Amino acid sequence: MVARIAAVVCNHNQGHYLRAALASLVAQELASDQFEVIVVDNASSDGTEQICAPFTAAADLRCVLEPRLGLAHARNTGWQQARAEYVAYLDADAIASPEWLRRLLARFAAAGPELAAVGGRIEPIWEGPRPDWFGANLSPFV
């Protein structure tokens, strides 16, 4: 069966975050045959492929190289490598909620073919105090 949705994770030297992102993807509520994970190694020097290796047994996960540095190049490589009908992007420093992919598919199914893109809630994970520049007025936008 061909996966219905591809989760594309573009990585440039964020291996210290990538493990948590991949762990959140292999823990999705969606049946594992319904999604694929594509990690795009965007000219990293952090051992992206080795970081991905332990996750390949738990999910349809593959790592592809994009030597041209830049998020646009990496994202384009990601969707071009996808075999699924839909593509979702997750940043390497993000953690997907367990229902993320299931909810995305449900939204597309409910809306029909005229829907081109969806977004969702983002909850920052602060590694320290919230930065001064991120005032309360910005909170509704994430």
N, C-alpha and C. Protein backbone atom coordinates (compact mmCIF):
# COMPACT_ATOMS: atom_id res chain seq x y z
N MET A 1 0.84 -1.18 0.00
CA MET A 1 0.00 0.00 0.00
C MET A 1 0.89 1.25 0.00
N VAL A 2 0.52 2.22 -0.80
CA VAL A 2 1.26 3.47 -0.85
C VAL A 2 0.80 4.37 0.29
N ALA A 3 1.74 4.97 0.97
CA ALA A 3 1.42 5.89 2.06
C ALA A 3 0.52 7.02 1.57
N ARG A 4 -0.35 7.48 2.45
CA ARG A 4 -1.25 8.56 2.08
C ARG A 4 -0.64 9.93 2.32
N ILE A 5 0.29 10.03 3.30
CA ILE A 5 0.89 11.32 3.62
C ILE A 5 2.36 11.13 3.93
N ALA A 6 3.16 12.09 3.49
CA ALA A 6 4.60 12.08 3.76
C ALA A 6 4.92 13.20 4.72
N ALA A 7 5.65 12.88 5.76
CA ALA A 7 6.17 13.90 6.68
C ALA A 7 7.60 14.16 6.26
N VAL A 8 7.87 15.39 5.85
CA VAL A 8 9.20 15.77 5.38
C VAL A 8 9.86 16.62 6.46
N VAL A 9 11.05 16.19 6.87
CA VAL A 9 11.83 16.91 7.88
C VAL A 9 13.13 17.35 7.22
N CYS A 10 13.32 18.65 7.10
CA CYS A 10 14.54 19.19 6.51
C CYS A 10 15.52 19.49 7.64
N ASN A 11 16.74 19.00 7.50
CA ASN A 11 17.72 19.18 8.57
C ASN A 11 19.02 19.76 8.05
N HIS A 12 19.46 20.82 8.69
CA HIS A 12 20.80 21.35 8.47
C HIS A 12 21.44 21.55 9.84
N ASN A 13 22.23 20.57 10.23
CA ASN A 13 23.00 20.62 11.47
C ASN A 13 22.15 20.84 12.73
N GLN A 14 20.97 20.24 12.74
CA GLN A 14 20.13 20.30 13.94
C GLN A 14 19.92 18.89 14.51
N GLY A 15 20.93 18.07 14.37
CA GLY A 15 20.85 16.69 14.84
C GLY A 15 20.51 16.58 16.31
N HIS A 16 20.93 17.57 17.12
CA HIS A 16 20.62 17.54 18.54
C HIS A 16 19.12 17.67 18.80
N TYR A 17 18.36 18.16 17.83
CA TYR A 17 16.90 18.22 17.93
C TYR A 17 16.22 17.10 17.13
N LEU A 18 16.85 16.67 16.07
CA LEU A 18 16.25 15.76 15.10
C LEU A 18 15.73 14.47 15.72
N ARG A 19 16.44 13.91 16.68
CA ARG A 19 16.01 12.66 17.31
C ARG A 19 14.60 12.78 17.90
N ALA A 20 14.34 13.87 18.59
CA ALA A 20 13.01 14.07 19.20
C ALA A 20 11.94 14.23 18.13
N ALA A 21 12.27 14.92 17.04
CA ALA A 21 11.31 15.09 15.95
C ALA A 21 10.97 13.73 15.34
N LEU A 22 11.98 12.91 15.09
CA LEU A 22 11.74 11.60 14.50
C LEU A 22 10.99 10.68 15.45
N ALA A 23 11.32 10.74 16.73
CA ALA A 23 10.60 9.93 17.72
C ALA A 23 9.12 10.30 17.72
N SER A 24 8.81 11.58 17.57
CA SER A 24 7.40 12.00 17.54
C SER A 24 6.70 11.51 16.28
N LEU A 25 7.42 11.35 15.21
CA LEU A 25 6.81 10.86 13.97
C LEU A 25 6.58 9.35 14.00
N VAL A 26 7.51 8.60 14.53
CA VAL A 26 7.29 7.15 14.58
C VAL A 26 6.22 6.80 15.62
N ALA A 27 5.87 7.74 16.50
CA ALA A 27 4.84 7.51 17.52
C ALA A 27 3.47 8.04 17.09
N GLN A 28 3.27 8.30 15.82
CA GLN A 28 1.99 8.82 15.35
C GLN A 28 0.87 7.80 15.56
N GLU A 29 -0.34 8.30 15.82
CA GLU A 29 -1.52 7.44 15.96
C GLU A 29 -1.90 6.78 14.64
N LEU A 30 -1.56 7.40 13.56
CA LEU A 30 -1.88 6.90 12.23
C LEU A 30 -1.13 5.58 11.99
N ALA A 31 -1.80 4.63 11.37
CA ALA A 31 -1.15 3.35 11.08
C ALA A 31 0.12 3.59 10.27
N SER A 32 1.14 2.84 10.57
CA SER A 32 2.45 3.07 9.96
C SER A 32 2.45 2.88 8.44
N ASP A 33 1.50 2.12 7.90
CA ASP A 33 1.46 1.96 6.44
C ASP A 33 0.76 3.14 5.75
N GLN A 34 0.27 4.09 6.53
CA GLN A 34 -0.43 5.25 5.98
C GLN A 34 0.48 6.47 5.79
N PHE A 35 1.72 6.39 6.32
CA PHE A 35 2.61 7.54 6.18
C PHE A 35 4.05 7.11 5.98
N GLU A 36 4.80 8.02 5.39
CA GLU A 36 6.23 7.85 5.22
C GLU A 36 6.92 9.07 5.80
N VAL A 37 8.16 8.91 6.17
CA VAL A 37 8.96 10.01 6.71
C VAL A 37 10.18 10.16 5.81
N ILE A 38 10.39 11.38 5.36
CA ILE A 38 11.54 11.69 4.52
C ILE A 38 12.36 12.75 5.23
N VAL A 39 13.58 12.41 5.57
CA VAL A 39 14.49 13.37 6.19
C VAL A 39 15.42 13.86 5.09
N VAL A 40 15.43 15.16 4.90
CA VAL A 40 16.31 15.74 3.89
C VAL A 40 17.53 16.30 4.61
N ASP A 41 18.67 15.67 4.35
CA ASP A 41 19.95 16.12 4.89
C ASP A 41 20.42 17.26 4.01
N ASN A 42 20.28 18.47 4.51
CA ASN A 42 20.58 19.67 3.72
C ASN A 42 22.02 20.12 4.00
N ALA A 43 22.96 19.38 3.41
CA ALA A 43 24.39 19.71 3.53
C ALA A 43 24.85 19.77 4.98
N SER A 44 24.37 18.84 5.78
CA SER A 44 24.72 18.81 7.20
C SER A 44 26.08 18.18 7.43
N SER A 45 26.65 18.50 8.59
CA SER A 45 27.89 17.85 9.02
C SER A 45 27.66 17.21 10.40
N ASP A 46 26.40 16.94 10.73
CA ASP A 46 26.05 16.42 12.06
C ASP A 46 25.74 14.93 12.07
N GLY A 47 25.98 14.25 10.98
CA GLY A 47 25.70 12.81 10.93
C GLY A 47 24.22 12.51 10.82
N THR A 48 23.51 13.28 10.03
CA THR A 48 22.06 13.12 9.88
C THR A 48 21.67 11.69 9.55
N GLU A 49 22.37 11.07 8.63
CA GLU A 49 22.00 9.70 8.23
C GLU A 49 22.14 8.72 9.39
N GLN A 50 23.16 8.88 10.21
CA GLN A 50 23.34 8.01 11.38
C GLN A 50 22.27 8.27 12.43
N ILE A 51 21.83 9.50 12.55
CA ILE A 51 20.75 9.84 13.49
C ILE A 51 19.46 9.17 13.05
N CYS A 52 19.23 9.10 11.74
CA CYS A 52 18.00 8.51 11.21
C CYS A 52 17.98 6.99 11.32
N ALA A 53 19.13 6.36 11.25
CA ALA A 53 19.23 4.90 11.15
C ALA A 53 18.38 4.14 12.17
N PRO A 54 18.40 4.49 13.46
CA PRO A 54 17.61 3.70 14.41
C PRO A 54 16.10 3.78 14.20
N PHE A 55 15.64 4.77 13.48
CA PHE A 55 14.20 4.97 13.28
C PHE A 55 13.66 4.23 12.06
N THR A 56 14.55 3.75 11.20
CA THR A 56 14.09 3.11 9.97
C THR A 56 13.37 1.80 10.22
N ALA A 57 13.64 1.15 11.32
CA ALA A 57 12.95 -0.11 11.63
C ALA A 57 11.53 0.13 12.12
N ALA A 58 11.26 1.31 12.66
CA ALA A 58 9.96 1.61 13.24
C ALA A 58 9.01 2.30 12.28
N ALA A 59 9.52 2.79 11.16
CA ALA A 59 8.68 3.55 10.23
C ALA A 59 9.25 3.44 8.83
N ASP A 60 8.41 3.79 7.86
CA ASP A 60 8.87 3.91 6.47
C ASP A 60 9.62 5.24 6.41
N LEU A 61 10.89 5.19 6.77
CA LEU A 61 11.70 6.40 6.89
C LEU A 61 12.93 6.26 6.03
N ARG A 62 13.20 7.31 5.27
CA ARG A 62 14.43 7.32 4.49
C ARG A 62 15.06 8.71 4.56
N CYS A 63 16.35 8.72 4.41
CA CYS A 63 17.13 9.95 4.47
C CYS A 63 17.68 10.21 3.07
N VAL A 64 17.47 11.42 2.58
CA VAL A 64 17.97 11.79 1.26
C VAL A 64 18.86 13.02 1.40
N LEU A 65 19.82 13.13 0.53
CA LEU A 65 20.77 14.25 0.58
C LEU A 65 20.35 15.34 -0.39
N GLU A 66 20.40 16.58 0.08
CA GLU A 66 20.26 17.76 -0.78
C GLU A 66 21.50 18.61 -0.51
N PRO A 67 22.47 18.57 -1.41
CA PRO A 67 23.73 19.28 -1.17
C PRO A 67 23.64 20.80 -1.30
N ARG A 68 22.61 21.29 -1.99
CA ARG A 68 22.47 22.75 -2.13
C ARG A 68 21.85 23.29 -0.85
N LEU A 69 22.58 24.11 -0.14
CA LEU A 69 22.13 24.65 1.13
C LEU A 69 20.95 25.60 0.93
N GLY A 70 19.94 25.45 1.77
CA GLY A 70 18.78 26.33 1.75
C GLY A 70 17.49 25.55 1.95
N LEU A 71 16.61 26.12 2.77
CA LEU A 71 15.36 25.44 3.10
C LEU A 71 14.50 25.19 1.87
N ALA A 72 14.46 26.13 0.94
CA ALA A 72 13.65 25.93 -0.27
C ALA A 72 14.15 24.73 -1.07
N HIS A 73 15.46 24.59 -1.21
CA HIS A 73 16.01 23.42 -1.91
C HIS A 73 15.63 22.14 -1.18
N ALA A 74 15.79 22.16 0.14
CA ALA A 74 15.50 20.96 0.93
C ALA A 74 14.02 20.58 0.86
N ARG A 75 13.14 21.56 0.98
CA ARG A 75 11.71 21.25 0.91
C ARG A 75 11.31 20.74 -0.47
N ASN A 76 11.86 21.32 -1.50
CA ASN A 76 11.57 20.84 -2.85
C ASN A 76 12.05 19.41 -3.04
N THR A 77 13.23 19.10 -2.56
CA THR A 77 13.73 17.73 -2.63
C THR A 77 12.80 16.80 -1.87
N GLY A 78 12.33 17.23 -0.71
CA GLY A 78 11.43 16.41 0.11
C GLY A 78 10.15 16.05 -0.60
N TRP A 79 9.46 17.04 -1.16
CA TRP A 79 8.19 16.70 -1.82
C TRP A 79 8.42 15.91 -3.10
N GLN A 80 9.55 16.16 -3.77
CA GLN A 80 9.83 15.40 -4.98
C GLN A 80 10.14 13.93 -4.68
N GLN A 81 10.65 13.65 -3.51
CA GLN A 81 10.95 12.27 -3.10
C GLN A 81 9.72 11.55 -2.54
N ALA A 82 8.68 12.30 -2.21
CA ALA A 82 7.49 11.71 -1.59
C ALA A 82 6.73 10.83 -2.58
N ARG A 83 6.24 9.71 -2.06
CA ARG A 83 5.39 8.82 -2.85
C ARG A 83 3.93 8.99 -2.47
N ALA A 84 3.68 9.75 -1.44
CA ALA A 84 2.34 9.90 -0.89
C ALA A 84 1.55 10.99 -1.62
N GLU A 85 0.25 10.95 -1.40
CA GLU A 85 -0.66 11.92 -2.00
C GLU A 85 -0.49 13.32 -1.40
N TYR A 86 -0.22 13.38 -0.09
CA TYR A 86 -0.08 14.65 0.62
C TYR A 86 1.30 14.74 1.23
N VAL A 87 1.76 15.98 1.45
CA VAL A 87 3.05 16.23 2.06
C VAL A 87 2.86 17.20 3.22
N ALA A 88 3.46 16.86 4.36
CA ALA A 88 3.45 17.72 5.53
C ALA A 88 4.89 18.00 5.94
N TYR A 89 5.17 19.22 6.32
CA TYR A 89 6.53 19.58 6.72
C TYR A 89 6.59 19.74 8.23
N LEU A 90 7.64 19.17 8.82
CA LEU A 90 7.92 19.33 10.24
C LEU A 90 9.35 19.82 10.36
N ASP A 91 9.56 20.89 11.11
CA ASP A 91 10.91 21.38 11.31
C ASP A 91 11.69 20.39 12.16
N ALA A 92 13.00 20.33 11.96
CA ALA A 92 13.84 19.40 12.70
C ALA A 92 13.84 19.68 14.19
N ASP A 93 13.53 20.90 14.57
CA ASP A 93 13.50 21.24 16.00
C ASP A 93 12.08 21.24 16.57
N ALA A 94 11.16 20.57 15.89
CA ALA A 94 9.76 20.51 16.33
C ALA A 94 9.41 19.09 16.76
N ILE A 95 8.35 19.00 17.55
CA ILE A 95 7.83 17.72 18.00
C ILE A 95 6.36 17.67 17.59
N ALA A 96 6.01 16.66 16.80
CA ALA A 96 4.63 16.52 16.32
C ALA A 96 3.78 15.87 17.40
N SER A 97 2.56 16.36 17.56
CA SER A 97 1.63 15.71 18.47
C SER A 97 1.27 14.34 17.88
N PRO A 98 0.90 13.37 18.71
CA PRO A 98 0.63 12.02 18.21
C PRO A 98 -0.47 11.96 17.15
N GLU A 99 -1.39 12.89 17.16
CA GLU A 99 -2.50 12.86 16.21
C GLU A 99 -2.25 13.75 14.99
N TRP A 100 -1.09 14.34 14.86
CA TRP A 100 -0.80 15.32 13.82
C TRP A 100 -1.15 14.83 12.42
N LEU A 101 -0.57 13.73 11.98
CA LEU A 101 -0.81 13.25 10.61
C LEU A 101 -2.23 12.78 10.41
N ARG A 102 -2.80 12.12 11.40
CA ARG A 102 -4.20 11.67 11.29
C ARG A 102 -5.14 12.86 11.11
N ARG A 103 -4.91 13.91 11.87
CA ARG A 103 -5.76 15.11 11.75
C ARG A 103 -5.59 15.81 10.41
N LEU A 104 -4.38 15.85 9.91
CA LEU A 104 -4.16 16.46 8.60
C LEU A 104 -4.93 15.71 7.52
N LEU A 105 -4.84 14.39 7.54
CA LEU A 105 -5.57 13.60 6.55
C LEU A 105 -7.08 13.79 6.69
N ALA A 106 -7.57 13.86 7.91
CA ALA A 106 -9.00 14.06 8.13
C ALA A 106 -9.45 15.42 7.58
N ARG A 107 -8.63 16.43 7.76
CA ARG A 107 -8.98 17.77 7.27
C ARG A 107 -9.04 17.78 5.75
N PHE A 108 -8.08 17.15 5.10
CA PHE A 108 -8.11 17.08 3.65
C PHE A 108 -9.32 16.28 3.16
N ALA A 109 -9.63 15.19 3.82
CA ALA A 109 -10.77 14.36 3.41
C ALA A 109 -12.08 15.13 3.57
N ALA A 110 -12.21 15.90 4.62
CA ALA A 110 -13.45 16.64 4.87
C ALA A 110 -13.64 17.79 3.90
N ALA A 111 -12.55 18.41 3.47
CA ALA A 111 -12.65 19.60 2.63
C ALA A 111 -12.77 19.29 1.15
N GLY A 112 -12.25 18.17 0.72
CA GLY A 112 -12.31 17.86 -0.70
C GLY A 112 -11.12 18.38 -1.46
N PRO A 113 -11.12 18.18 -2.77
CA PRO A 113 -9.94 18.46 -3.59
C PRO A 113 -9.60 19.95 -3.74
N GLU A 114 -10.52 20.83 -3.38
CA GLU A 114 -10.19 22.26 -3.54
C GLU A 114 -9.28 22.80 -2.44
N LEU A 115 -9.07 22.03 -1.37
CA LEU A 115 -8.18 22.44 -0.30
C LEU A 115 -6.74 22.22 -0.73
N ALA A 116 -5.92 23.27 -0.63
CA ALA A 116 -4.53 23.17 -1.08
C ALA A 116 -3.54 23.07 0.08
N ALA A 117 -3.88 23.64 1.24
CA ALA A 117 -2.94 23.64 2.36
C ALA A 117 -3.70 23.79 3.67
N VAL A 118 -3.11 23.26 4.73
CA VAL A 118 -3.67 23.43 6.07
C VAL A 118 -2.52 23.76 7.02
N GLY A 119 -2.87 24.36 8.13
CA GLY A 119 -1.90 24.68 9.18
C GLY A 119 -2.48 24.26 10.50
N GLY A 120 -1.74 24.45 11.54
CA GLY A 120 -2.23 24.05 12.85
C GLY A 120 -1.55 24.82 13.96
N ARG A 121 -1.92 24.46 15.15
CA ARG A 121 -1.41 25.12 16.35
C ARG A 121 0.07 24.79 16.55
N ILE A 122 0.80 25.78 17.01
CA ILE A 122 2.21 25.61 17.34
C ILE A 122 2.38 26.05 18.78
N GLU A 123 2.97 25.19 19.58
CA GLU A 123 3.25 25.53 20.97
C GLU A 123 4.77 25.56 21.14
N PRO A 124 5.31 26.75 21.41
CA PRO A 124 6.77 26.85 21.56
C PRO A 124 7.27 26.01 22.73
N ILE A 125 8.44 25.44 22.55
CA ILE A 125 9.14 24.74 23.62
C ILE A 125 10.35 25.61 23.95
N TRP A 126 10.23 26.36 25.02
CA TRP A 126 11.30 27.29 25.38
C TRP A 126 12.43 26.53 26.06
N GLU A 127 13.64 26.71 25.58
CA GLU A 127 14.80 26.09 26.20
C GLU A 127 15.33 26.95 27.35
N GLY A 128 14.78 28.11 27.49
CA GLY A 128 15.14 29.05 28.55
C GLY A 128 13.97 30.00 28.70
N PRO A 129 14.18 31.13 29.33
CA PRO A 129 13.09 32.11 29.45
C PRO A 129 12.61 32.58 28.07
N ARG A 130 11.33 32.90 27.98
CA ARG A 130 10.79 33.42 26.73
C ARG A 130 11.57 34.69 26.36
N PRO A 131 12.01 34.81 25.11
CA PRO A 131 12.78 36.01 24.72
C PRO A 131 11.95 37.28 24.87
N ASP A 132 12.61 38.37 25.21
CA ASP A 132 11.92 39.65 25.39
C ASP A 132 11.18 40.09 24.13
N TRP A 133 11.75 39.77 22.97
CA TRP A 133 11.13 40.20 21.72
C TRP A 133 9.83 39.46 21.43
N PHE A 134 9.60 38.33 22.12
CA PHE A 134 8.39 37.54 21.90
C PHE A 134 7.36 37.93 22.95
N GLY A 135 6.72 39.07 22.72
CA GLY A 135 5.74 39.58 23.67
C GLY A 135 4.42 38.83 23.63
N ALA A 136 3.58 39.10 24.61
CA ALA A 136 2.26 38.46 24.70
C ALA A 136 1.42 38.73 23.45
N ASN A 137 1.66 39.85 22.78
CA ASN A 137 0.90 40.16 21.57
C ASN A 137 1.18 39.19 20.42
N LEU A 138 2.29 38.46 20.47
CA LEU A 138 2.62 37.49 19.42
C LEU A 138 2.06 36.10 19.71
N SER A 139 1.72 35.82 20.95
CA SER A 139 1.26 34.49 21.34
C SER A 139 0.10 33.97 20.51
N PRO A 140 -0.90 34.79 20.15
CA PRO A 140 -2.01 34.25 19.35
C PRO A 140 -1.60 33.76 17.96
N PHE A 141 -0.41 34.12 17.49
CA PHE A 141 0.00 33.76 16.14
C PHE A 141 0.77 32.44 16.07
N VAL A 142 1.00 31.81 17.22
CA VAL A 142 1.66 30.50 17.21
C VAL A 142 0.78 29.46 17.83
